Amino acid sequence: MIIAVIGFGIYNWAVGFNNTAIELNENVSEAWGNVQTSYQRRNDLIGNLVNTVKGAADFEKSTLEAVIKARSEATKTTIDPSNITPEQLEQFNQAQGGLSSALSRLLVTV
């Protein structure tokens, strides 16, 4: 009778140990699935970030090119103060206005 009680106790311990091992294994599998999901989400977000940065870089590049072009136009326009005409003054003002506009767009992006 004592041997049967001890045998029954060992059997219950073994079944409990097995159930605990299975539960822990499932917990590990679930946790690893969460890790993989997090890494996949991060990888998806990196793609969005790269596209955003590319868009910003293209915008900044075009803005910088506009500043360089406007600067070139502004320095190309020269006025002889002794021989100034209203048309030359207007051309000079337009070139300076274009440069100011391009610079303000550049400063907004920076």
PDB file of N, CA and C in Angstrom:
ATOM      1  N   MET A   1       0.817  -1.187   0.000  1.00  0.00           N
ATOM      2  CA  MET A   1       0.000   0.000   0.000  1.00  0.00           C
ATOM      3  C   MET A   1       0.866   1.258   0.000  1.00  0.00           C
ATOM      4  N   ILE A   2       1.913   1.265   0.780  1.00  0.00           N
ATOM      5  CA  ILE A   2       2.819   2.412   0.843  1.00  0.00           C
ATOM      6  C   ILE A   2       3.520   2.585  -0.508  1.00  0.00           C
ATOM      7  N   ILE A   3       3.876   1.473  -1.127  1.00  0.00           N
ATOM      8  CA  ILE A   3       4.546   1.543  -2.429  1.00  0.00           C
ATOM      9  C   ILE A   3       3.589   2.142  -3.468  1.00  0.00           C
ATOM     10  N   ALA A   4       2.325   1.826  -3.384  1.00  0.00           N
ATOM     11  CA  ALA A   4       1.339   2.370  -4.321  1.00  0.00           C
ATOM     12  C   ALA A   4       1.185   3.869  -4.122  1.00  0.00           C
ATOM     13  N   VAL A   5       1.190   4.337  -2.873  1.00  0.00           N
ATOM     14  CA  VAL A   5       1.071   5.769  -2.588  1.00  0.00           C
ATOM     15  C   VAL A   5       2.314   6.501  -3.085  1.00  0.00           C
ATOM     16  N   ILE A   6       3.493   5.921  -2.838  1.00  0.00           N
ATOM     17  CA  ILE A   6       4.743   6.539  -3.315  1.00  0.00           C
ATOM     18  C   ILE A   6       4.756   6.543  -4.847  1.00  0.00           C
ATOM     19  N   GLY A   7       4.348   5.449  -5.462  1.00  0.00           N
ATOM     20  CA  GLY A   7       4.286   5.368  -6.925  1.00  0.00           C
ATOM     21  C   GLY A   7       3.311   6.385  -7.498  1.00  0.00           C
ATOM     22  N   PHE A   8       2.147   6.528  -6.833  1.00  0.00           N
ATOM     23  CA  PHE A   8       1.159   7.518  -7.282  1.00  0.00           C
ATOM     24  C   PHE A   8       1.714   8.934  -7.135  1.00  0.00           C
ATOM     25  N   GLY A   9       2.446   9.206  -6.056  1.00  0.00           N
ATOM     26  CA  GLY A   9       3.064  10.522  -5.848  1.00  0.00           C
ATOM     27  C   GLY A   9       4.103  10.829  -6.917  1.00  0.00           C
ATOM     28  N   ILE A  10       4.928   9.830  -7.243  1.00  0.00           N
ATOM     29  CA  ILE A  10       5.953  10.020  -8.289  1.00  0.00           C
ATOM     30  C   ILE A  10       5.275  10.244  -9.643  1.00  0.00           C
ATOM     31  N   TYR A  11       4.206   9.512  -9.908  1.00  0.00           N
ATOM     32  CA  TYR A  11       3.467   9.682 -11.165  1.00  0.00           C
ATOM     33  C   TYR A  11       2.899  11.106 -11.265  1.00  0.00           C
ATOM     34  N   ASN A  12       2.266  11.589 -10.188  1.00  0.00           N
ATOM     35  CA  ASN A  12       1.712  12.951 -10.193  1.00  0.00           C
ATOM     36  C   ASN A  12       2.808  13.996 -10.372  1.00  0.00           C
ATOM     37  N   TRP A  13       3.963  13.774  -9.736  1.00  0.00           N
ATOM     38  CA  TRP A  13       5.083  14.711  -9.877  1.00  0.00           C
ATOM     39  C   TRP A  13       5.564  14.719 -11.334  1.00  0.00           C
ATOM     40  N   ALA A  14       5.685  13.558 -11.948  1.00  0.00           N
ATOM     41  CA  ALA A  14       6.155  13.459 -13.330  1.00  0.00           C
ATOM     42  C   ALA A  14       5.172  14.120 -14.290  1.00  0.00           C
ATOM     43  N   VAL A  15       3.889  13.917 -14.084  1.00  0.00           N
ATOM     44  CA  VAL A  15       2.876  14.537 -14.944  1.00  0.00           C
ATOM     45  C   VAL A  15       2.912  16.050 -14.772  1.00  0.00           C
ATOM     46  N   GLY A  16       3.019  16.523 -13.537  1.00  0.00           N
ATOM     47  CA  GLY A  16       3.103  17.964 -13.275  1.00  0.00           C
ATOM     48  C   GLY A  16       4.349  18.570 -13.899  1.00  0.00           C
ATOM     49  N   PHE A  17       5.479  17.856 -13.779  1.00  0.00           N
ATOM     50  CA  PHE A  17       6.731  18.333 -14.370  1.00  0.00           C
ATOM     51  C   PHE A  17       6.600  18.427 -15.891  1.00  0.00           C
ATOM     52  N   ASN A  18       5.983  17.428 -16.492  1.00  0.00           N
ATOM     53  CA  ASN A  18       5.792  17.417 -17.944  1.00  0.00           C
ATOM     54  C   ASN A  18       4.895  18.577 -18.378  1.00  0.00           C
ATOM     55  N   ASN A  19       3.809  18.798 -17.654  1.00  0.00           N
ATOM     56  CA  ASN A  19       2.901  19.898 -17.994  1.00  0.00           C
ATOM     57  C   ASN A  19       3.596  21.247 -17.854  1.00  0.00           C
ATOM     58  N   THR A  20       4.409  21.404 -16.814  1.00  0.00           N
ATOM     59  CA  THR A  20       5.153  22.649 -16.616  1.00  0.00           C
ATOM     60  C   THR A  20       6.150  22.860 -17.756  1.00  0.00           C
ATOM     61  N   ALA A  21       6.831  21.792 -18.162  1.00  0.00           N
ATOM     62  CA  ALA A  21       7.798  21.899 -19.257  1.00  0.00           C
ATOM     63  C   ALA A  21       7.106  22.302 -20.556  1.00  0.00           C
ATOM     64  N   ILE A  22       5.953  21.733 -20.826  1.00  0.00           N
ATOM     65  CA  ILE A  22       5.203  22.076 -22.040  1.00  0.00           C
ATOM     66  C   ILE A  22       4.739  23.530 -21.982  1.00  0.00           C
ATOM     67  N   GLU A  23       4.249  23.965 -20.819  1.00  0.00           N
ATOM     68  CA  GLU A  23       3.792  25.353 -20.663  1.00  0.00           C
ATOM     69  C   GLU A  23       4.947  26.339 -20.849  1.00  0.00           C
ATOM     70  N   LEU A  24       6.102  26.015 -20.276  1.00  0.00           N
ATOM     71  CA  LEU A  24       7.267  26.895 -20.438  1.00  0.00           C
ATOM     72  C   LEU A  24       7.711  26.951 -21.897  1.00  0.00           C
ATOM     73  N   ASN A  25       7.656  25.823 -22.580  1.00  0.00           N
ATOM     74  CA  ASN A  25       8.020  25.787 -23.995  1.00  0.00           C
ATOM     75  C   ASN A  25       7.068  26.657 -24.819  1.00  0.00           C
ATOM     76  N   GLU A  26       5.787  26.610 -24.511  1.00  0.00           N
ATOM     77  CA  GLU A  26       4.812  27.450 -25.210  1.00  0.00           C
ATOM     78  C   GLU A  26       5.048  28.928 -24.910  1.00  0.00           C
ATOM     79  N   ASN A  27       5.408  29.241 -23.664  1.00  0.00           N
ATOM     80  CA  ASN A  27       5.708  30.634 -23.308  1.00  0.00           C
ATOM     81  C   ASN A  27       6.911  31.152 -24.086  1.00  0.00           C
ATOM     82  N   VAL A  28       7.930  30.303 -24.222  1.00  0.00           N
ATOM     83  CA  VAL A  28       9.118  30.697 -24.988  1.00  0.00           C
ATOM     84  C   VAL A  28       8.749  30.915 -26.451  1.00  0.00           C
ATOM     85  N   SER A  29       7.940  30.028 -27.011  1.00  0.00           N
ATOM     86  CA  SER A  29       7.526  30.174 -28.416  1.00  0.00           C
ATOM     87  C   SER A  29       6.730  31.456 -28.619  1.00  0.00           C
ATOM     88  N   GLU A  30       5.848  31.771 -27.680  1.00  0.00           N
ATOM     89  CA  GLU A  30       5.054  32.998 -27.777  1.00  0.00           C
ATOM     90  C   GLU A  30       5.942  34.236 -27.668  1.00  0.00           C
ATOM     91  N   ALA A  31       6.879  34.212 -26.725  1.00  0.00           N
ATOM     92  CA  ALA A  31       7.784  35.355 -26.558  1.00  0.00           C
ATOM     93  C   ALA A  31       8.638  35.546 -27.810  1.00  0.00           C
ATOM     94  N   TRP A  32       9.122  34.449 -28.397  1.00  0.00           N
ATOM     95  CA  TRP A  32       9.933  34.559 -29.607  1.00  0.00           C
ATOM     96  C   TRP A  32       9.096  35.095 -30.772  1.00  0.00           C
ATOM     97  N   GLY A  33       7.842  34.699 -30.838  1.00  0.00           N
ATOM     98  CA  GLY A  33       6.947  35.242 -31.866  1.00  0.00           C
ATOM     99  C   GLY A  33       6.776  36.743 -31.706  1.00  0.00           C
ATOM    100  N   ASN A  34       6.685  37.215 -30.447  1.00  0.00           N
ATOM    101  CA  ASN A  34       6.585  38.661 -30.201  1.00  0.00           C
ATOM    102  C   ASN A  34       7.850  39.384 -30.639  1.00  0.00           C
ATOM    103  N   VAL A  35       9.003  38.761 -30.388  1.00  0.00           N
ATOM    104  CA  VAL A  35      10.275  39.366 -30.809  1.00  0.00           C
ATOM    105  C   VAL A  35      10.319  39.478 -32.331  1.00  0.00           C
ATOM    106  N   GLN A  36       9.948  38.415 -33.011  1.00  0.00           N
ATOM    107  CA  GLN A  36       9.959  38.438 -34.478  1.00  0.00           C
ATOM    108  C   GLN A  36       8.987  39.482 -35.023  1.00  0.00           C
ATOM    109  N   THR A  37       7.832  39.601 -34.392  1.00  0.00           N
ATOM    110  CA  THR A  37       6.853  40.600 -34.817  1.00  0.00           C
ATOM    111  C   THR A  37       7.409  42.006 -34.642  1.00  0.00           C
ATOM    112  N   SER A  38       8.086  42.239 -33.524  1.00  0.00           N
ATOM    113  CA  SER A  38       8.675  43.563 -33.274  1.00  0.00           C
ATOM    114  C   SER A  38       9.751  43.890 -34.305  1.00  0.00           C
ATOM    115  N   TYR A  39      10.603  42.915 -34.612  1.00  0.00           N
ATOM    116  CA  TYR A  39      11.641  43.156 -35.611  1.00  0.00           C
ATOM    117  C   TYR A  39      11.040  43.383 -36.995  1.00  0.00           C
ATOM    118  N   GLN A  40       9.991  42.651 -37.328  1.00  0.00           N
ATOM    119  CA  GLN A  40       9.344  42.847 -38.627  1.00  0.00           C
ATOM    120  C   GLN A  40       8.730  44.236 -38.712  1.00  0.00           C
ATOM    121  N   ARG A  41       8.094  44.674 -37.625  1.00  0.00           N
ATOM    122  CA  ARG A  41       7.502  46.020 -37.599  1.00  0.00           C
ATOM    123  C   ARG A  41       8.593  47.071 -37.767  1.00  0.00           C
ATOM    124  N   ARG A  42       9.713  46.881 -37.069  1.00  0.00           N
ATOM    125  CA  ARG A  42      10.823  47.825 -37.183  1.00  0.00           C
ATOM    126  C   ARG A  42      11.340  47.862 -38.618  1.00  0.00           C
ATOM    127  N   ASN A  43      11.488  46.693 -39.239  1.00  0.00           N
ATOM    128  CA  ASN A  43      11.955  46.655 -40.627  1.00  0.00           C
ATOM    129  C   ASN A  43      10.987  47.372 -41.557  1.00  0.00           C
ATOM    130  N   ASP A  44       9.691  47.214 -41.313  1.00  0.00           N
ATOM    131  CA  ASP A  44       8.700  47.916 -42.130  1.00  0.00           C
ATOM    132  C   ASP A  44       8.809  49.425 -41.937  1.00  0.00           C
ATOM    133  N   LEU A  45       9.028  49.862 -40.703  1.00  0.00           N
ATOM    134  CA  LEU A  45       9.139  51.294 -40.430  1.00  0.00           C
ATOM    135  C   LEU A  45      10.416  51.885 -41.014  1.00  0.00           C
ATOM    136  N   ILE A  46      11.482  51.103 -41.069  1.00  0.00           N
ATOM    137  CA  ILE A  46      12.731  51.598 -41.656  1.00  0.00           C
ATOM    138  C   ILE A  46      12.519  51.925 -43.127  1.00  0.00           C
ATOM    139  N   GLY A  47      11.768  51.100 -43.827  1.00  0.00           N
ATOM    140  CA  GLY A  47      11.466  51.390 -45.233  1.00  0.00           C
ATOM    141  C   GLY A  47      10.742  52.715 -45.381  1.00  0.00           C
ATOM    142  N   ASN A  48       9.767  52.968 -44.505  1.00  0.00           N
ATOM    143  CA  ASN A  48       9.052  54.247 -44.540  1.00  0.00           C
ATOM    144  C   ASN A  48       9.991  55.404 -44.233  1.00  0.00           C
ATOM    145  N   LEU A  49      10.878  55.203 -43.263  1.00  0.00           N
ATOM    146  CA  LEU A  49      11.829  56.246 -42.895  1.00  0.00           C
ATOM    147  C   LEU A  49      12.769  56.563 -44.051  1.00  0.00           C
ATOM    148  N   VAL A  50      13.255  55.531 -44.716  1.00  0.00           N
ATOM    149  CA  VAL A  50      14.156  55.738 -45.856  1.00  0.00           C
ATOM    150  C   VAL A  50      13.446  56.529 -46.951  1.00  0.00           C
ATOM    151  N   ASN A  51      12.196  56.192 -47.232  1.00  0.00           N
ATOM    152  CA  ASN A  51      11.446  56.927 -48.260  1.00  0.00           C
ATOM    153  C   ASN A  51      11.233  58.380 -47.858  1.00  0.00           C
ATOM    154  N   THR A  52      10.972  58.617 -46.575  1.00  0.00           N
ATOM    155  CA  THR A  52      10.797  59.986 -46.089  1.00  0.00           C
ATOM    156  C   THR A  52      12.087  60.774 -46.238  1.00  0.00           C
ATOM    157  N   VAL A  53      13.201  60.157 -45.853  1.00  0.00           N
ATOM    158  CA  VAL A  53      14.496  60.840 -45.959  1.00  0.00           C
ATOM    159  C   VAL A  53      14.843  61.098 -47.416  1.00  0.00           C
ATOM    160  N   LYS A  54      14.549  60.136 -48.292  1.00  0.00           N
ATOM    161  CA  LYS A  54      14.807  60.348 -49.720  1.00  0.00           C
ATOM    162  C   LYS A  54      14.005  61.536 -50.231  1.00  0.00           C
ATOM    163  N   GLY A  55      12.743  61.613 -49.832  1.00  0.00           N
ATOM    164  CA  GLY A  55      11.905  62.736 -50.253  1.00  0.00           C
ATOM    165  C   GLY A  55      12.440  64.051 -49.740  1.00  0.00           C
ATOM    166  N   ALA A  56      12.877  64.076 -48.489  1.00  0.00           N
ATOM    167  CA  ALA A  56      13.434  65.303 -47.920  1.00  0.00           C
ATOM    168  C   ALA A  56      14.743  65.659 -48.609  1.00  0.00           C
ATOM    169  N   ALA A  57      15.549  64.650 -48.908  1.00  0.00           N
ATOM    170  CA  ALA A  57      16.823  64.910 -49.578  1.00  0.00           C
ATOM    171  C   ALA A  57      16.589  65.483 -50.971  1.00  0.00           C
ATOM    172  N   ASP A  58      15.608  64.932 -51.690  1.00  0.00           N
ATOM    173  CA  ASP A  58      15.292  65.465 -53.016  1.00  0.00           C
ATOM    174  C   ASP A  58      14.818  66.909 -52.917  1.00  0.00           C
ATOM    175  N   PHE A  59      13.973  67.194 -51.912  1.00  0.00           N
ATOM    176  CA  PHE A  59      13.479  68.558 -51.728  1.00  0.00           C
ATOM    177  C   PHE A  59      14.631  69.492 -51.386  1.00  0.00           C
ATOM    178  N   GLU A  60      15.503  69.059 -50.469  1.00  0.00           N
ATOM    179  CA  GLU A  60      16.635  69.900 -50.094  1.00  0.00           C
ATOM    180  C   GLU A  60      17.587  70.096 -51.268  1.00  0.00           C
ATOM    181  N   LYS A  61      17.772  69.048 -52.061  1.00  0.00           N
ATOM    182  CA  LYS A  61      18.649  69.159 -53.223  1.00  0.00           C
ATOM    183  C   LYS A  61      18.084  70.173 -54.209  1.00  0.00           C
ATOM    184  N   SER A  62      16.782  70.073 -54.476  1.00  0.00           N
ATOM    185  CA  SER A  62      16.182  71.014 -55.424  1.00  0.00           C
ATOM    186  C   SER A  62      16.203  72.432 -54.861  1.00  0.00           C
ATOM    187  N   THR A  63      16.031  72.572 -53.556  1.00  0.00           N
ATOM    188  CA  THR A  63      16.084  73.898 -52.936  1.00  0.00           C
ATOM    189  C   THR A  63      17.491  74.471 -53.037  1.00  0.00           C
ATOM    190  N   LEU A  64      18.488  73.641 -52.757  1.00  0.00           N
ATOM    191  CA  LEU A  64      19.874  74.104 -52.863  1.00  0.00           C
ATOM    192  C   LEU A  64      20.208  74.485 -54.303  1.00  0.00           C
ATOM    193  N   GLU A  65      19.741  73.699 -55.251  1.00  0.00           N
ATOM    194  CA  GLU A  65      19.979  74.039 -56.658  1.00  0.00           C
ATOM    195  C   GLU A  65      19.307  75.359 -57.017  1.00  0.00           C
ATOM    196  N   ALA A  66      18.113  75.605 -56.469  1.00  0.00           N
ATOM    197  CA  ALA A  66      17.419  76.869 -56.728  1.00  0.00           C
ATOM    198  C   ALA A  66      18.199  78.039 -56.139  1.00  0.00           C
ATOM    199  N   VAL A  67      18.787  77.851 -54.953  1.00  0.00           N
ATOM    200  CA  VAL A  67      19.596  78.915 -54.339  1.00  0.00           C
ATOM    201  C   VAL A  67      20.829  79.193 -55.186  1.00  0.00           C
ATOM    202  N   ILE A  68      21.481  78.144 -55.639  1.00  0.00           N
ATOM    203  CA  ILE A  68      22.687  78.322 -56.463  1.00  0.00           C
ATOM    204  C   ILE A  68      22.342  79.046 -57.760  1.00  0.00           C
ATOM    205  N   LYS A  69      21.229  78.651 -58.384  1.00  0.00           N
ATOM    206  CA  LYS A  69      20.816  79.303 -59.633  1.00  0.00           C
ATOM    207  C   LYS A  69      20.451  80.764 -59.382  1.00  0.00           C
ATOM    208  N   ALA A  70      19.705  81.025 -58.296  1.00  0.00           N
ATOM    209  CA  ALA A  70      19.310  82.401 -57.985  1.00  0.00           C
ATOM    210  C   ALA A  70      20.530  83.252 -57.656  1.00  0.00           C
ATOM    211  N   ARG A  71      21.488  82.674 -56.965  1.00  0.00           N
ATOM    212  CA  ARG A  71      22.720  83.411 -56.653  1.00  0.00           C
ATOM    213  C   ARG A  71      23.473  83.748 -57.932  1.00  0.00           C
ATOM    214  N   SER A  72      23.520  82.782 -58.838  1.00  0.00           N
ATOM    215  CA  SER A  72      24.190  83.021 -60.111  1.00  0.00           C
ATOM    216  C   SER A  72      23.507  84.146 -60.878  1.00  0.00           C
ATOM    217  N   GLU A  73      22.177  84.125 -60.904  1.00  0.00           N
ATOM    218  CA  GLU A  73      21.429  85.185 -61.589  1.00  0.00           C
ATOM    219  C   GLU A  73      21.644  86.535 -60.908  1.00  0.00           C
ATOM    220  N   ALA A  74      21.680  86.531 -59.581  1.00  0.00           N
ATOM    221  CA  ALA A  74      21.844  87.792 -58.851  1.00  0.00           C
ATOM    222  C   ALA A  74      23.231  88.380 -59.062  1.00  0.00           C
ATOM    223  N   THR A  75      24.241  87.527 -59.123  1.00  0.00           N
ATOM    224  CA  THR A  75      25.595  88.061 -59.329  1.00  0.00           C
ATOM    225  C   THR A  75      25.844  88.412 -60.790  1.00  0.00           C
ATOM    226  N   LYS A  76      25.078  87.809 -61.686  1.00  0.00           N
ATOM    227  CA  LYS A  76      25.218  88.110 -63.109  1.00  0.00           C
ATOM    228  C   LYS A  76      24.664  89.498 -63.434  1.00  0.00           C
ATOM    229  N   THR A  77      23.682  89.920 -62.667  1.00  0.00           N
ATOM    230  CA  THR A  77      23.037  91.201 -62.922  1.00  0.00           C
ATOM    231  C   THR A  77      23.868  92.307 -62.285  1.00  0.00           C
ATOM    232  N   THR A  78      24.497  93.087 -63.130  1.00  0.00           N
ATOM    233  CA  THR A  78      25.299  94.212 -62.629  1.00  0.00           C
ATOM    234  C   THR A  78      24.707  95.511 -63.156  1.00  0.00           C
ATOM    235  N   ILE A  79      24.845  96.524 -62.328  1.00  0.00           N
ATOM    236  CA  ILE A  79      24.304  97.833 -62.699  1.00  0.00           C
ATOM    237  C   ILE A  79      25.429  98.855 -62.601  1.00  0.00           C
ATOM    238  N   ASP A  80      25.523  99.641 -63.642  1.00  0.00           N
ATOM    239  CA  ASP A  80      26.465 100.768 -63.622  1.00  0.00           C
ATOM    240  C   ASP A  80      25.718 101.960 -63.041  1.00  0.00           C
ATOM    241  N   PRO A  81      26.081 102.418 -61.832  1.00  0.00           N
ATOM    242  CA  PRO A  81      25.333 103.496 -61.186  1.00  0.00           C
ATOM    243  C   PRO A  81      25.282 104.782 -62.007  1.00  0.00           C
ATOM    244  N   SER A  82      26.282 105.020 -62.824  1.00  0.00           N
ATOM    245  CA  SER A  82      26.281 106.263 -63.602  1.00  0.00           C
ATOM    246  C   SER A  82      25.374 106.171 -64.826  1.00  0.00           C
ATOM    247  N   ASN A  83      24.971 104.957 -65.188  1.00  0.00           N
ATOM    248  CA  ASN A  83      24.194 104.775 -66.408  1.00  0.00           C
ATOM    249  C   ASN A  83      23.009 103.837 -66.153  1.00  0.00           C
ATOM    250  N   ILE A  84      22.270 104.040 -65.075  1.00  0.00           N
ATOM    251  CA  ILE A  84      21.198 103.137 -64.668  1.00  0.00           C
ATOM    252  C   ILE A  84      19.898 103.466 -65.391  1.00  0.00           C
ATOM    253  N   THR A  85      19.147 102.395 -65.731  1.00  0.00           N
ATOM    254  CA  THR A  85      17.833 102.564 -66.356  1.00  0.00           C
ATOM    255  C   THR A  85      16.797 101.866 -65.468  1.00  0.00           C
ATOM    256  N   PRO A  86      15.539 102.242 -65.599  1.00  0.00           N
ATOM    257  CA  PRO A  86      14.503 101.567 -64.801  1.00  0.00           C
ATOM    258  C   PRO A  86      14.425 100.061 -65.092  1.00  0.00           C
ATOM    259  N   GLU A  87      14.688  99.664 -66.325  1.00  0.00           N
ATOM    260  CA  GLU A  87      14.657  98.246 -66.676  1.00  0.00           C
ATOM    261  C   GLU A  87      15.770  97.483 -65.964  1.00  0.00           C
ATOM    262  N   GLN A  88      16.975  98.073 -65.914  1.00  0.00           N
ATOM    263  CA  GLN A  88      18.085  97.429 -65.211  1.00  0.00           C
ATOM    264  C   GLN A  88      17.782  97.302 -63.718  1.00  0.00           C
ATOM    265  N   LEU A  89      17.203  98.341 -63.148  1.00  0.00           N
ATOM    266  CA  LEU A  89      16.860  98.325 -61.731  1.00  0.00           C
ATOM    267  C   LEU A  89      15.805  97.249 -61.446  1.00  0.00           C
ATOM    268  N   GLU A  90      14.824  97.131 -62.329  1.00  0.00           N
ATOM    269  CA  GLU A  90      13.788  96.104 -62.159  1.00  0.00           C
ATOM    270  C   GLU A  90      14.389  94.707 -62.286  1.00  0.00           C
ATOM    271  N   GLN A  91      15.283  94.507 -63.251  1.00  0.00           N
ATOM    272  CA  GLN A  91      15.943  93.217 -63.431  1.00  0.00           C
ATOM    273  C   GLN A  91      16.769  92.874 -62.192  1.00  0.00           C
ATOM    274  N   PHE A  92      17.475  93.858 -61.658  1.00  0.00           N
ATOM    275  CA  PHE A  92      18.276  93.659 -60.449  1.00  0.00           C
ATOM    276  C   PHE A  92      17.373  93.286 -59.267  1.00  0.00           C
ATOM    277  N   ASN A  93      16.264  93.998 -59.115  1.00  0.00           N
ATOM    278  CA  ASN A  93      15.330  93.710 -58.020  1.00  0.00           C
ATOM    279  C   ASN A  93      14.727  92.309 -58.147  1.00  0.00           C
ATOM    280  N   GLN A  94      14.398  91.904 -59.363  1.00  0.00           N
ATOM    281  CA  GLN A  94      13.853  90.560 -59.563  1.00  0.00           C
ATOM    282  C   GLN A  94      14.886  89.490 -59.207  1.00  0.00           C
ATOM    283  N   ALA A  95      16.132  89.705 -59.616  1.00  0.00           N
ATOM    284  CA  ALA A  95      17.185  88.733 -59.297  1.00  0.00           C
ATOM    285  C   ALA A  95      17.397  88.645 -57.789  1.00  0.00           C
ATOM    286  N   GLN A  96      17.413  89.780 -57.115  1.00  0.00           N
ATOM    287  CA  GLN A  96      17.588  89.786 -55.662  1.00  0.00           C
ATOM    288  C   GLN A  96      16.375  89.166 -54.960  1.00  0.00           C
ATOM    289  N   GLY A  97      15.185  89.426 -55.484  1.00  0.00           N
ATOM    290  CA  GLY A  97      13.974  88.821 -54.919  1.00  0.00           C
ATOM    291  C   GLY A  97      13.972  87.307 -55.072  1.00  0.00           C
ATOM    292  N   GLY A  98      14.420  86.833 -56.234  1.00  0.00           N
ATOM    293  CA  GLY A  98      14.521  85.389 -56.456  1.00  0.00           C
ATOM    294  C   GLY A  98      15.504  84.745 -55.499  1.00  0.00           C
ATOM    295  N   LEU A  99      16.623  85.423 -55.269  1.00  0.00           N
ATOM    296  CA  LEU A  99      17.614  84.908 -54.327  1.00  0.00           C
ATOM    297  C   LEU A  99      17.046  84.890 -52.911  1.00  0.00           C
ATOM    298  N   SER A 100      16.360  85.943 -52.527  1.00  0.00           N
ATOM    299  CA  SER A 100      15.755  85.993 -51.187  1.00  0.00           C
ATOM    300  C   SER A 100      14.727  84.886 -51.007  1.00  0.00           C
ATOM    301  N   SER A 101      13.920  84.656 -52.025  1.00  0.00           N
ATOM    302  CA  SER A 101      12.905  83.605 -51.958  1.00  0.00           C
ATOM    303  C   SER A 101      13.548  82.225 -51.825  1.00  0.00           C
ATOM    304  N   ALA A 102      14.575  81.971 -52.624  1.00  0.00           N
ATOM    305  CA  ALA A 102      15.258  80.676 -52.567  1.00  0.00           C
ATOM    306  C   ALA A 102      15.946  80.484 -51.220  1.00  0.00           C
ATOM    307  N   LEU A 103      16.544  81.538 -50.699  1.00  0.00           N
ATOM    308  CA  LEU A 103      17.198  81.445 -49.390  1.00  0.00           C
ATOM    309  C   LEU A 103      16.189  81.177 -48.282  1.00  0.00           C
ATOM    310  N   SER A 104      15.028  81.796 -48.363  1.00  0.00           N
ATOM    311  CA  SER A 104      14.024  81.560 -47.321  1.00  0.00           C
ATOM    312  C   SER A 104      13.536  80.110 -47.353  1.00  0.00           C
ATOM    313  N   ARG A 105      13.392  79.516 -48.548  1.00  0.00           N
ATOM    314  CA  ARG A 105      13.011  78.100 -48.636  1.00  0.00           C
ATOM    315  C   ARG A 105      14.107  77.215 -48.064  1.00  0.00           C
ATOM    316  N   LEU A 106      15.364  77.587 -48.319  1.00  0.00           N
ATOM    317  CA  LEU A 106      16.485  76.817 -47.790  1.00  0.00           C
ATOM    318  C   LEU A 106      16.516  76.893 -46.269  1.00  0.00           C
ATOM    319  N   LEU A 107      16.290  78.067 -45.721  1.00  0.00           N
ATOM    320  CA  LEU A 107      16.314  78.221 -44.268  1.00  0.00           C
ATOM    321  C   LEU A 107      15.172  77.462 -43.606  1.00  0.00           C
ATOM    322  N   VAL A 108      14.044  77.351 -44.281  1.00  0.00           N
ATOM    323  CA  VAL A 108      12.923  76.592 -43.721  1.00  0.00           C
ATOM    324  C   VAL A 108      13.271  75.113 -43.653  1.00  0.00           C
ATOM    325  N   THR A 109      13.994  74.597 -44.640  1.00  0.00           N
ATOM    326  CA  THR A 109      14.345  73.177 -44.631  1.00  0.00           C
ATOM    327  C   THR A 109      15.438  72.873 -43.624  1.00  0.00           C
ATOM    328  N   VAL A 110      16.272  73.861 -43.322  1.00  0.00           N
ATOM    329  CA  VAL A 110      17.348  73.642 -42.346  1.00  0.00           C
ATOM    330  C   VAL A 110      16.770  73.859 -41.005  1.00  0.00           C
TER     331      VAL A 110
END
